[in-house]
Amino acid sequence: MSEEILQSFFESVQGQITTVAVIFLLLALVMKTNEKKNDVSILVKTSILLAVTFVLNQITLLKMPHGGSITAFSMVTLFLVGYLFGPRQGVLAGMAYGLLDLTINPYVVHPIQMLMDYPLAFGAIGIGGLLRNQKYGMITGYLIGVLGRYLVIVISGIIFWGMYAAEGFNAVTWSFFYNMTYMLPEAVTTVAILMIPQVRNLFDRFKME
């Protein structure tokens, strides 16, 4: 399947409808608790966090020339799904958000690249929820989630975007450096805010055990 066909599909009404249908399916799965019961409150709160993530992601402090940007703390609101409700819900919500981003800003050159740059990269943020019950779990979990997204994007960059490497870099070193330039500043700033006990306590009030 050529780059043009893939890009055209995700830009088309049919492609967007298909993507939105998958988003709704993922959000429906978010409602399933570990006891396999539906909890509508999780869906409502997750939808609110995804909406906030979308808004914050539109506030770009620095937009990189080949994709990626420093946003107004959009990764932490997406991470909160996994922190508040569990890693399974976090991964599913991240994948749903990745597909939402695909419908808004599609840039597809290969099916694997599409999966990595959109649902898998954002879904990886949800794995930070594994540390939700640990001491300083919000901070360490957030960092693990960001690291997960970073590694997925780096691998995608090595495989699919190596031709954009700057002079003096190869595909591997350029992907590591390029993606760090926009993810690290946002992560550092976010962690500085999460270090404030009152901020962590505010979110902990909504955490489900």
N, C-alpha and C. Protein backbone atom coordinates (compact mmCIF):
# COMPACT_ATOMS: atom_id res chain seq x y z
N MET A 1 0.85 -1.18 0.00
CA MET A 1 0.00 0.00 0.00
C MET A 1 0.89 1.24 0.00
N SER A 2 0.68 2.12 -0.95
CA SER A 2 1.56 3.26 -1.11
C SER A 2 1.25 4.34 -0.08
N GLU A 3 2.22 5.23 0.07
CA GLU A 3 2.05 6.35 1.00
C GLU A 3 0.83 7.19 0.63
N GLU A 4 0.63 7.41 -0.68
CA GLU A 4 -0.48 8.27 -1.12
C GLU A 4 -1.83 7.65 -0.78
N ILE A 5 -1.95 6.32 -0.95
CA ILE A 5 -3.22 5.65 -0.66
C ILE A 5 -3.53 5.72 0.83
N LEU A 6 -2.54 5.46 1.66
CA LEU A 6 -2.73 5.51 3.11
C LEU A 6 -3.12 6.91 3.56
N GLN A 7 -2.38 7.90 3.09
CA GLN A 7 -2.66 9.27 3.48
C GLN A 7 -4.06 9.68 3.04
N SER A 8 -4.42 9.32 1.82
CA SER A 8 -5.74 9.68 1.31
C SER A 8 -6.85 9.01 2.10
N PHE A 9 -6.62 7.77 2.52
CA PHE A 9 -7.64 7.06 3.29
C PHE A 9 -7.92 7.76 4.61
N PHE A 10 -6.88 8.12 5.34
CA PHE A 10 -7.09 8.73 6.65
C PHE A 10 -7.54 10.18 6.55
N GLU A 11 -7.40 10.78 5.38
CA GLU A 11 -7.92 12.13 5.16
C GLU A 11 -9.36 12.08 4.66
N SER A 12 -9.81 10.92 4.21
CA SER A 12 -11.14 10.78 3.64
C SER A 12 -12.19 10.66 4.74
N VAL A 13 -13.45 10.91 4.37
CA VAL A 13 -14.56 10.77 5.32
C VAL A 13 -14.66 9.32 5.78
N GLN A 14 -14.51 8.39 4.85
CA GLN A 14 -14.59 6.97 5.21
C GLN A 14 -13.51 6.61 6.23
N GLY A 15 -12.30 7.08 5.99
CA GLY A 15 -11.21 6.78 6.91
C GLY A 15 -11.43 7.39 8.27
N GLN A 16 -11.93 8.62 8.31
CA GLN A 16 -12.18 9.28 9.59
C GLN A 16 -13.30 8.61 10.36
N ILE A 17 -14.36 8.18 9.64
CA ILE A 17 -15.46 7.47 10.29
C ILE A 17 -14.96 6.15 10.88
N THR A 18 -14.14 5.44 10.12
CA THR A 18 -13.59 4.18 10.61
C THR A 18 -12.74 4.40 11.85
N THR A 19 -11.90 5.43 11.82
CA THR A 19 -11.04 5.73 12.96
C THR A 19 -11.85 6.11 14.19
N VAL A 20 -12.88 6.93 14.00
CA VAL A 20 -13.74 7.33 15.12
C VAL A 20 -14.45 6.12 15.71
N ALA A 21 -14.87 5.18 14.85
CA ALA A 21 -15.53 3.97 15.34
C ALA A 21 -14.60 3.17 16.24
N VAL A 22 -13.32 3.08 15.87
CA VAL A 22 -12.34 2.37 16.69
C VAL A 22 -12.12 3.11 18.01
N ILE A 23 -12.13 4.45 17.96
CA ILE A 23 -11.99 5.25 19.18
C ILE A 23 -13.11 4.93 20.16
N PHE A 24 -14.35 4.89 19.66
CA PHE A 24 -15.49 4.57 20.53
C PHE A 24 -15.38 3.16 21.10
N LEU A 25 -14.87 2.23 20.31
CA LEU A 25 -14.68 0.86 20.80
C LEU A 25 -13.67 0.83 21.94
N LEU A 26 -12.56 1.55 21.77
CA LEU A 26 -11.54 1.60 22.81
C LEU A 26 -12.08 2.25 24.08
N LEU A 27 -12.87 3.31 23.93
CA LEU A 27 -13.44 3.97 25.10
C LEU A 27 -14.47 3.08 25.79
N ALA A 28 -15.18 2.27 25.02
CA ALA A 28 -16.11 1.32 25.62
C ALA A 28 -15.36 0.30 26.45
N LEU A 29 -14.19 -0.12 25.98
CA LEU A 29 -13.38 -1.07 26.74
C LEU A 29 -12.80 -0.43 28.00
N VAL A 30 -12.62 0.89 27.98
CA VAL A 30 -12.12 1.59 29.16
C VAL A 30 -13.10 1.41 30.33
N MET A 31 -14.39 1.31 30.02
CA MET A 31 -15.41 1.17 31.07
C MET A 31 -15.29 -0.15 31.83
N LYS A 32 -14.72 -1.15 31.18
CA LYS A 32 -14.64 -2.47 31.81
C LYS A 32 -13.66 -2.44 32.97
N THR A 33 -14.13 -2.74 34.16
CA THR A 33 -13.25 -2.81 35.32
C THR A 33 -12.61 -4.20 35.37
N ASN A 34 -11.75 -4.40 36.35
CA ASN A 34 -11.10 -5.71 36.48
C ASN A 34 -12.12 -6.82 36.72
N GLU A 35 -13.30 -6.46 37.26
CA GLU A 35 -14.36 -7.45 37.48
C GLU A 35 -15.23 -7.60 36.24
N LYS A 36 -14.82 -6.98 35.14
CA LYS A 36 -15.51 -7.04 33.86
C LYS A 36 -16.92 -6.45 33.94
N LYS A 37 -17.06 -5.44 34.78
CA LYS A 37 -18.31 -4.71 34.87
C LYS A 37 -18.12 -3.34 34.26
N ASN A 38 -19.21 -2.81 33.71
CA ASN A 38 -19.14 -1.48 33.11
C ASN A 38 -19.22 -0.41 34.20
N ASP A 39 -18.33 0.54 34.14
CA ASP A 39 -18.35 1.68 35.06
C ASP A 39 -18.39 2.95 34.22
N VAL A 40 -19.59 3.50 34.07
CA VAL A 40 -19.77 4.66 33.19
C VAL A 40 -18.99 5.86 33.70
N SER A 41 -18.79 5.95 35.02
CA SER A 41 -18.07 7.10 35.57
C SER A 41 -16.64 7.14 35.05
N ILE A 42 -16.03 5.96 34.85
CA ILE A 42 -14.68 5.93 34.29
C ILE A 42 -14.68 6.47 32.88
N LEU A 43 -15.69 6.09 32.10
CA LEU A 43 -15.79 6.59 30.73
C LEU A 43 -15.94 8.10 30.71
N VAL A 44 -16.79 8.63 31.58
CA VAL A 44 -17.03 10.07 31.61
C VAL A 44 -15.75 10.82 31.99
N LYS A 45 -15.09 10.37 33.06
CA LYS A 45 -13.87 11.03 33.51
C LYS A 45 -12.75 10.89 32.49
N THR A 46 -12.65 9.73 31.85
CA THR A 46 -11.65 9.53 30.81
C THR A 46 -11.90 10.46 29.63
N SER A 47 -13.15 10.58 29.23
CA SER A 47 -13.50 11.47 28.12
C SER A 47 -13.13 12.91 28.43
N ILE A 48 -13.35 13.32 29.68
CA ILE A 48 -12.99 14.69 30.08
C ILE A 48 -11.48 14.88 30.00
N LEU A 49 -10.72 13.90 30.50
CA LEU A 49 -9.26 14.00 30.45
C LEU A 49 -8.75 14.01 29.02
N LEU A 50 -9.37 13.23 28.15
CA LEU A 50 -8.96 13.22 26.74
C LEU A 50 -9.27 14.56 26.08
N ALA A 51 -10.41 15.15 26.44
CA ALA A 51 -10.75 16.46 25.89
C ALA A 51 -9.75 17.52 26.35
N VAL A 52 -9.39 17.46 27.64
CA VAL A 52 -8.39 18.41 28.16
C VAL A 52 -7.04 18.19 27.48
N THR A 53 -6.69 16.91 27.29
CA THR A 53 -5.43 16.60 26.60
C THR A 53 -5.43 17.19 25.19
N PHE A 54 -6.54 17.05 24.50
CA PHE A 54 -6.64 17.57 23.13
C PHE A 54 -6.45 19.09 23.12
N VAL A 55 -7.11 19.77 24.05
CA VAL A 55 -7.00 21.23 24.11
C VAL A 55 -5.57 21.66 24.41
N LEU A 56 -4.96 21.00 25.42
CA LEU A 56 -3.59 21.36 25.80
C LEU A 56 -2.60 21.05 24.68
N ASN A 57 -2.90 20.00 23.93
CA ASN A 57 -2.00 19.64 22.82
C ASN A 57 -2.03 20.66 21.70
N GLN A 58 -3.11 21.45 21.64
CA GLN A 58 -3.18 22.49 20.62
C GLN A 58 -2.39 23.73 21.02
N ILE A 59 -2.04 23.81 22.31
CA ILE A 59 -1.24 24.95 22.79
C ILE A 59 0.22 24.55 22.67
N THR A 60 0.83 24.87 21.58
CA THR A 60 2.21 24.46 21.32
C THR A 60 3.17 25.60 21.63
N LEU A 61 4.10 25.31 22.53
CA LEU A 61 5.12 26.28 22.89
C LEU A 61 6.27 26.27 21.89
N LEU A 62 6.48 25.10 21.27
CA LEU A 62 7.51 24.98 20.23
C LEU A 62 7.11 23.84 19.31
N LYS A 63 7.01 24.12 18.03
CA LYS A 63 6.65 23.10 17.04
C LYS A 63 7.88 22.72 16.25
N MET A 64 8.19 21.43 16.23
CA MET A 64 9.38 20.96 15.53
C MET A 64 9.12 20.84 14.03
N PRO A 65 10.14 20.97 13.21
CA PRO A 65 9.94 20.99 11.75
C PRO A 65 9.51 19.66 11.16
N HIS A 66 9.86 18.55 11.79
CA HIS A 66 9.53 17.23 11.24
C HIS A 66 8.60 16.45 12.17
N GLY A 67 7.73 17.17 12.86
CA GLY A 67 6.78 16.52 13.75
C GLY A 67 7.22 16.60 15.19
N GLY A 68 6.22 16.62 16.09
CA GLY A 68 6.49 16.73 17.51
C GLY A 68 6.48 18.18 17.95
N SER A 69 6.13 18.40 19.22
CA SER A 69 6.09 19.76 19.74
C SER A 69 6.10 19.74 21.26
N ILE A 70 6.50 20.84 21.84
CA ILE A 70 6.38 21.04 23.28
C ILE A 70 5.01 21.64 23.53
N THR A 71 4.19 20.94 24.31
CA THR A 71 2.82 21.39 24.54
C THR A 71 2.65 21.84 25.98
N ALA A 72 1.46 22.34 26.27
CA ALA A 72 1.13 22.83 27.62
C ALA A 72 0.70 21.67 28.50
N PHE A 73 1.65 20.76 28.79
CA PHE A 73 1.44 19.67 29.74
C PHE A 73 0.38 18.65 29.27
N SER A 74 0.27 18.43 27.97
CA SER A 74 -0.76 17.51 27.48
C SER A 74 -0.47 16.06 27.86
N MET A 75 0.81 15.68 28.00
CA MET A 75 1.11 14.29 28.31
C MET A 75 0.68 13.90 29.71
N VAL A 76 0.71 14.84 30.64
CA VAL A 76 0.36 14.49 32.02
C VAL A 76 -1.14 14.24 32.17
N THR A 77 -1.96 14.98 31.45
CA THR A 77 -3.40 14.72 31.55
C THR A 77 -3.76 13.38 30.94
N LEU A 78 -3.05 12.97 29.90
CA LEU A 78 -3.28 11.65 29.33
C LEU A 78 -2.79 10.56 30.28
N PHE A 79 -1.65 10.80 30.92
CA PHE A 79 -1.12 9.86 31.90
C PHE A 79 -2.07 9.67 33.07
N LEU A 80 -2.81 10.71 33.43
CA LEU A 80 -3.70 10.64 34.59
C LEU A 80 -4.76 9.56 34.46
N VAL A 81 -5.15 9.21 33.25
CA VAL A 81 -6.13 8.13 33.09
C VAL A 81 -5.59 6.84 33.69
N GLY A 82 -4.37 6.49 33.35
CA GLY A 82 -3.76 5.29 33.90
C GLY A 82 -3.48 5.41 35.39
N TYR A 83 -3.12 6.60 35.83
CA TYR A 83 -2.82 6.80 37.25
C TYR A 83 -4.09 6.71 38.10
N LEU A 84 -5.17 7.27 37.61
CA LEU A 84 -6.40 7.29 38.39
C LEU A 84 -7.17 5.98 38.33
N PHE A 85 -7.15 5.31 37.16
CA PHE A 85 -8.02 4.16 36.97
C PHE A 85 -7.29 2.84 36.73
N GLY A 86 -6.00 2.90 36.44
CA GLY A 86 -5.23 1.68 36.22
C GLY A 86 -4.57 1.67 34.86
N PRO A 87 -3.50 0.88 34.69
CA PRO A 87 -2.73 0.87 33.44
C PRO A 87 -3.53 0.40 32.23
N ARG A 88 -4.43 -0.55 32.44
CA ARG A 88 -5.22 -1.03 31.31
C ARG A 88 -6.05 0.09 30.72
N GLN A 89 -6.75 0.83 31.59
CA GLN A 89 -7.53 1.96 31.12
C GLN A 89 -6.63 3.04 30.52
N GLY A 90 -5.45 3.21 31.10
CA GLY A 90 -4.53 4.22 30.59
C GLY A 90 -4.04 3.92 29.19
N VAL A 91 -3.69 2.67 28.95
CA VAL A 91 -3.21 2.28 27.61
C VAL A 91 -4.33 2.41 26.58
N LEU A 92 -5.53 1.95 26.92
CA LEU A 92 -6.66 2.04 25.99
C LEU A 92 -7.00 3.50 25.68
N ALA A 93 -7.00 4.34 26.73
CA ALA A 93 -7.30 5.76 26.51
C ALA A 93 -6.22 6.42 25.67
N GLY A 94 -4.96 6.05 25.92
CA GLY A 94 -3.87 6.60 25.12
C GLY A 94 -3.99 6.22 23.65
N MET A 95 -4.36 4.97 23.40
CA MET A 95 -4.55 4.53 22.02
C MET A 95 -5.70 5.29 21.37
N ALA A 96 -6.78 5.49 22.14
CA ALA A 96 -7.91 6.25 21.61
C ALA A 96 -7.50 7.67 21.27
N TYR A 97 -6.69 8.28 22.15
CA TYR A 97 -6.25 9.65 21.86
C TYR A 97 -5.33 9.68 20.64
N GLY A 98 -4.46 8.67 20.53
CA GLY A 98 -3.59 8.61 19.37
C GLY A 98 -4.37 8.56 18.06
N LEU A 99 -5.47 7.80 18.06
CA LEU A 99 -6.31 7.74 16.86
C LEU A 99 -7.04 9.05 16.63
N LEU A 100 -7.41 9.73 17.73
CA LEU A 100 -8.02 11.06 17.58
C LEU A 100 -7.04 12.01 16.93
N ASP A 101 -5.79 11.96 17.38
CA ASP A 101 -4.75 12.81 16.78
C ASP A 101 -4.56 12.45 15.31
N LEU A 102 -4.72 11.17 14.99
CA LEU A 102 -4.59 10.73 13.59
C LEU A 102 -5.67 11.35 12.72
N THR A 103 -6.88 11.47 13.25
CA THR A 103 -7.96 12.05 12.45
C THR A 103 -7.75 13.55 12.23
N ILE A 104 -7.07 14.21 13.18
CA ILE A 104 -6.85 15.66 13.08
C ILE A 104 -5.61 15.98 12.26
N ASN A 105 -4.53 15.24 12.54
CA ASN A 105 -3.24 15.53 11.87
C ASN A 105 -2.65 14.26 11.27
N PRO A 106 -3.31 13.69 10.27
CA PRO A 106 -2.79 12.44 9.71
C PRO A 106 -1.53 12.66 8.87
N TYR A 107 -0.51 11.86 9.15
CA TYR A 107 0.69 11.84 8.32
C TYR A 107 1.18 10.41 8.31
N VAL A 108 0.82 9.69 7.26
CA VAL A 108 1.02 8.25 7.22
C VAL A 108 1.82 7.87 5.99
N VAL A 109 2.89 7.11 6.21
CA VAL A 109 3.69 6.61 5.09
C VAL A 109 3.74 5.09 5.06
N HIS A 110 3.31 4.46 6.15
CA HIS A 110 3.37 3.00 6.23
C HIS A 110 2.43 2.56 7.35
N PRO A 111 1.76 1.41 7.22
CA PRO A 111 0.85 0.96 8.29
C PRO A 111 1.53 0.82 9.65
N ILE A 112 2.76 0.29 9.68
CA ILE A 112 3.47 0.14 10.94
C ILE A 112 3.82 1.50 11.52
N GLN A 113 4.23 2.43 10.67
CA GLN A 113 4.53 3.79 11.14
C GLN A 113 3.29 4.43 11.73
N MET A 114 2.14 4.23 11.10
CA MET A 114 0.89 4.79 11.62
C MET A 114 0.59 4.24 13.01
N LEU A 115 0.75 2.94 13.18
CA LEU A 115 0.49 2.33 14.48
C LEU A 115 1.46 2.84 15.54
N MET A 116 2.72 2.97 15.18
CA MET A 116 3.73 3.38 16.15
C MET A 116 3.58 4.85 16.53
N ASP A 117 3.40 5.72 15.56
CA ASP A 117 3.38 7.16 15.83
C ASP A 117 2.08 7.63 16.48
N TYR A 118 1.02 6.86 16.35
CA TYR A 118 -0.27 7.31 16.87
C TYR A 118 -0.76 6.43 18.04
N PRO A 119 -1.45 5.31 17.82
CA PRO A 119 -1.99 4.58 18.98
C PRO A 119 -0.94 3.99 19.91
N LEU A 120 0.15 3.43 19.37
CA LEU A 120 1.13 2.79 20.24
C LEU A 120 1.93 3.81 21.06
N ALA A 121 2.34 4.91 20.43
CA ALA A 121 3.13 5.92 21.14
C ALA A 121 2.33 6.55 22.28
N PHE A 122 1.10 6.95 22.00
CA PHE A 122 0.29 7.55 23.05
C PHE A 122 -0.21 6.50 24.04
N GLY A 123 -0.47 5.29 23.55
CA GLY A 123 -0.88 4.23 24.46
C GLY A 123 0.20 3.89 25.46
N ALA A 124 1.46 4.03 25.05
CA ALA A 124 2.58 3.71 25.94
C ALA A 124 2.59 4.59 27.18
N ILE A 125 2.03 5.78 27.09
CA ILE A 125 1.99 6.66 28.25
C ILE A 125 1.19 6.01 29.38
N GLY A 126 0.21 5.19 29.02
CA GLY A 126 -0.63 4.56 30.02
C GLY A 126 0.07 3.54 30.89
N ILE A 127 1.22 3.03 30.44
CA ILE A 127 1.90 2.01 31.24
C ILE A 127 2.43 2.60 32.54
N GLY A 128 2.52 3.91 32.60
CA GLY A 128 2.93 4.56 33.84
C GLY A 128 1.98 4.26 34.98
N GLY A 129 0.75 3.87 34.65
CA GLY A 129 -0.22 3.52 35.67
C GLY A 129 0.17 2.30 36.48
N LEU A 130 1.14 1.54 36.01
CA LEU A 130 1.61 0.37 36.77
C LEU A 130 2.20 0.78 38.11
N LEU A 131 2.68 2.02 38.22
CA LEU A 131 3.30 2.48 39.45
C LEU A 131 2.38 3.36 40.27
N ARG A 132 1.10 3.33 39.98
CA ARG A 132 0.14 4.24 40.61
C ARG A 132 0.05 4.09 42.13
N ASN A 133 0.35 2.92 42.64
CA ASN A 133 0.25 2.69 44.08
C ASN A 133 1.60 2.69 44.79
N GLN A 134 2.64 3.08 44.07
CA GLN A 134 3.97 3.16 44.67
C GLN A 134 4.19 4.54 45.27
N LYS A 135 5.17 4.63 46.16
CA LYS A 135 5.53 5.93 46.70
C LYS A 135 6.05 6.83 45.58
N TYR A 136 5.54 8.05 45.54
CA TYR A 136 5.84 8.97 44.43
C TYR A 136 5.45 8.36 43.09
N GLY A 137 4.38 7.56 43.11
CA GLY A 137 3.95 6.87 41.90
C GLY A 137 3.51 7.80 40.79
N MET A 138 3.01 8.97 41.15
CA MET A 138 2.58 9.91 40.11
C MET A 138 3.78 10.40 39.30
N ILE A 139 4.86 10.73 39.99
CA ILE A 139 6.04 11.25 39.30
C ILE A 139 6.76 10.15 38.53
N THR A 140 7.05 9.04 39.23
CA THR A 140 7.77 7.95 38.55
C THR A 140 6.92 7.32 37.45
N GLY A 141 5.62 7.22 37.69
CA GLY A 141 4.74 6.67 36.66
C GLY A 141 4.69 7.54 35.43
N TYR A 142 4.62 8.86 35.66
CA TYR A 142 4.62 9.79 34.54
C TYR A 142 5.90 9.65 33.72
N LEU A 143 7.04 9.57 34.41
CA LEU A 143 8.31 9.45 33.71
C LEU A 143 8.40 8.14 32.92
N ILE A 144 7.87 7.06 33.50
CA ILE A 144 7.86 5.77 32.78
C ILE A 144 6.97 5.86 31.55
N GLY A 145 5.82 6.51 31.70
CA GLY A 145 4.93 6.67 30.55
C GLY A 145 5.56 7.49 29.43
N VAL A 146 6.20 8.60 29.81
CA VAL A 146 6.87 9.44 28.81
C VAL A 146 8.01 8.67 28.16
N LEU A 147 8.76 7.91 28.95
CA LEU A 147 9.85 7.11 28.40
C LEU A 147 9.31 6.08 27.41
N GLY A 148 8.16 5.47 27.75
CA GLY A 148 7.56 4.51 26.83
C GLY A 148 7.20 5.15 25.50
N ARG A 149 6.58 6.32 25.55
CA ARG A 149 6.24 7.02 24.31
C ARG A 149 7.51 7.40 23.54
N TYR A 150 8.50 7.88 24.27
CA TYR A 150 9.75 8.28 23.63
C TYR A 150 10.40 7.13 22.89
N LEU A 151 10.46 5.96 23.50
CA LEU A 151 11.11 4.81 22.87
C LEU A 151 10.37 4.37 21.61
N VAL A 152 9.03 4.38 21.68
CA VAL A 152 8.25 4.00 20.49
C VAL A 152 8.52 4.97 19.34
N ILE A 153 8.52 6.26 19.66
CA ILE A 153 8.75 7.27 18.62
C ILE A 153 10.17 7.20 18.07
N VAL A 154 11.13 6.93 18.96
CA VAL A 154 12.52 6.81 18.52
C VAL A 154 12.67 5.66 17.53
N ILE A 155 12.08 4.52 17.85
CA ILE A 155 12.16 3.36 16.94
C ILE A 155 11.51 3.68 15.61
N SER A 156 10.35 4.34 15.66
CA SER A 156 9.68 4.75 14.42
C SER A 156 10.56 5.70 13.63
N GLY A 157 11.21 6.63 14.33
CA GLY A 157 12.09 7.59 13.65
C GLY A 157 13.27 6.92 12.98
N ILE A 158 13.83 5.91 13.64
CA ILE A 158 14.96 5.18 13.05
C ILE A 158 14.55 4.46 11.78
N ILE A 159 13.36 3.84 11.83
CA ILE A 159 12.91 3.02 10.70
C ILE A 159 12.39 3.86 9.54
N PHE A 160 11.59 4.88 9.87
CA PHE A 160 10.84 5.56 8.81
C PHE A 160 11.31 6.99 8.51
N TRP A 161 12.05 7.63 9.41
CA TRP A 161 12.36 9.04 9.20
C TRP A 161 13.86 9.31 9.17
N GLY A 162 14.65 8.28 8.99
CA GLY A 162 16.10 8.45 8.98
C GLY A 162 16.61 9.36 7.88
N MET A 163 15.83 9.51 6.81
CA MET A 163 16.29 10.36 5.70
C MET A 163 16.33 11.84 6.07
N TYR A 164 15.70 12.19 7.19
CA TYR A 164 15.70 13.59 7.63
C TYR A 164 16.81 13.90 8.62
N ALA A 165 17.69 12.94 8.84
CA ALA A 165 18.78 13.14 9.81
C ALA A 165 19.65 14.33 9.40
N ALA A 166 19.98 15.15 10.39
CA ALA A 166 20.83 16.32 10.13
C ALA A 166 22.26 15.87 9.87
N GLU A 167 23.02 16.76 9.28
CA GLU A 167 24.42 16.45 8.97
C GLU A 167 25.18 16.13 10.26
N GLY A 168 25.94 15.06 10.23
CA GLY A 168 26.70 14.64 11.40
C GLY A 168 25.99 13.60 12.24
N PHE A 169 24.74 13.30 11.90
CA PHE A 169 23.97 12.28 12.61
C PHE A 169 23.64 11.14 11.66
N ASN A 170 23.46 9.93 12.23
CA ASN A 170 22.85 8.86 11.45
C ASN A 170 21.41 8.71 11.92
N ALA A 171 20.69 7.75 11.35
CA ALA A 171 19.27 7.61 11.66
C ALA A 171 19.03 7.36 13.14
N VAL A 172 19.90 6.57 13.78
CA VAL A 172 19.72 6.22 15.18
C VAL A 172 19.97 7.42 16.09
N THR A 173 21.14 8.03 15.96
CA THR A 173 21.47 9.15 16.84
C THR A 173 20.55 10.35 16.61
N TRP A 174 20.14 10.56 15.36
CA TRP A 174 19.25 11.68 15.08
C TRP A 174 17.88 11.47 15.70
N SER A 175 17.36 10.26 15.62
CA SER A 175 16.05 9.99 16.21
C SER A 175 16.08 10.16 17.72
N PHE A 176 17.13 9.67 18.37
CA PHE A 176 17.26 9.83 19.82
C PHE A 176 17.32 11.32 20.19
N PHE A 177 18.14 12.08 19.45
CA PHE A 177 18.33 13.49 19.77
C PHE A 177 17.11 14.32 19.42
N TYR A 178 16.59 14.13 18.22
CA TYR A 178 15.48 14.96 17.73
C TYR A 178 14.26 14.84 18.65
N ASN A 179 13.87 13.61 18.99
CA ASN A 179 12.68 13.42 19.81
C ASN A 179 12.89 13.85 21.25
N MET A 180 14.15 13.85 21.69
CA MET A 180 14.43 14.32 23.05
C MET A 180 14.28 15.83 23.16
N THR A 181 14.54 16.55 22.06
CA THR A 181 14.54 18.01 22.12
C THR A 181 13.17 18.59 22.48
N TYR A 182 12.09 17.88 22.15
CA TYR A 182 10.78 18.42 22.49
C TYR A 182 10.10 17.66 23.64
N MET A 183 10.46 16.39 23.86
CA MET A 183 9.82 15.64 24.93
C MET A 183 10.46 15.92 26.29
N LEU A 184 11.78 16.10 26.32
CA LEU A 184 12.46 16.30 27.59
C LEU A 184 12.06 17.61 28.28
N PRO A 185 12.03 18.75 27.58
CA PRO A 185 11.64 20.00 28.27
C PRO A 185 10.25 19.93 28.89
N GLU A 186 9.29 19.36 28.15
CA GLU A 186 7.94 19.25 28.71
C GLU A 186 7.92 18.31 29.91
N ALA A 187 8.67 17.21 29.84
CA ALA A 187 8.71 16.26 30.95
C ALA A 187 9.33 16.89 32.19
N VAL A 188 10.43 17.61 32.02
CA VAL A 188 11.11 18.25 33.15
C VAL A 188 10.20 19.29 33.81
N THR A 189 9.55 20.11 33.00
CA THR A 189 8.65 21.13 33.53
C THR A 189 7.47 20.50 34.27
N THR A 190 6.93 19.43 33.69
CA THR A 190 5.80 18.75 34.32
C THR A 190 6.19 18.14 35.66
N VAL A 191 7.36 17.50 35.72
CA VAL A 191 7.82 16.90 36.96
C VAL A 191 8.01 17.97 38.03
N ALA A 192 8.51 19.13 37.65
CA ALA A 192 8.68 20.22 38.61
C ALA A 192 7.35 20.60 39.24
N ILE A 193 6.29 20.60 38.44
CA ILE A 193 4.96 20.93 38.96
C ILE A 193 4.43 19.78 39.83
N LEU A 194 4.66 18.55 39.40
CA LEU A 194 4.18 17.40 40.18
C LEU A 194 4.94 17.23 41.49
N MET A 195 6.07 17.87 41.62
CA MET A 195 6.80 17.83 42.88
C MET A 195 6.08 18.60 43.99
N ILE A 196 5.14 19.44 43.61
CA ILE A 196 4.37 20.21 44.60
C ILE A 196 3.34 19.28 45.25
N PRO A 197 3.43 19.04 46.54
CA PRO A 197 2.52 18.08 47.20
C PRO A 197 1.04 18.41 46.99
N GLN A 198 0.69 19.68 46.98
CA GLN A 198 -0.72 20.05 46.82
C GLN A 198 -1.26 19.61 45.47
N VAL A 199 -0.41 19.64 44.44
CA VAL A 199 -0.84 19.21 43.11
C VAL A 199 -1.10 17.71 43.10
N ARG A 200 -0.18 16.94 43.68
CA ARG A 200 -0.36 15.49 43.73
C ARG A 200 -1.59 15.12 44.56
N ASN A 201 -1.77 15.81 45.67
CA ASN A 201 -2.92 15.51 46.53
C ASN A 201 -4.24 15.80 45.83
N LEU A 202 -4.25 16.83 45.00
CA LEU A 202 -5.47 17.18 44.26
C LEU A 202 -5.90 16.03 43.36
N PHE A 203 -4.94 15.46 42.63
CA PHE A 203 -5.28 14.36 41.73
C PHE A 203 -5.57 13.07 42.49
N ASP A 204 -4.89 12.87 43.61
CA ASP A 204 -5.07 11.64 44.38
C ASP A 204 -6.50 11.51 44.92
N ARG A 205 -7.19 12.61 45.06
CA ARG A 205 -8.57 12.56 45.55
C ARG A 205 -9.48 11.78 44.61
N PHE A 206 -9.11 11.72 43.34
CA PHE A 206 -9.96 11.06 42.35
C PHE A 206 -9.48 9.66 41.98
N LYS A 207 -8.41 9.21 42.65
CA LYS A 207 -7.83 7.91 42.28
C LYS A 207 -8.70 6.77 42.79
N MET A 208 -8.96 5.82 41.90
CA MET A 208 -9.75 4.65 42.26
C MET A 208 -8.79 3.54 42.72
N GLU A 209 -9.12 2.89 43.82
CA GLU A 209 -8.28 1.82 44.35
C GLU A 209 -8.56 0.52 43.63
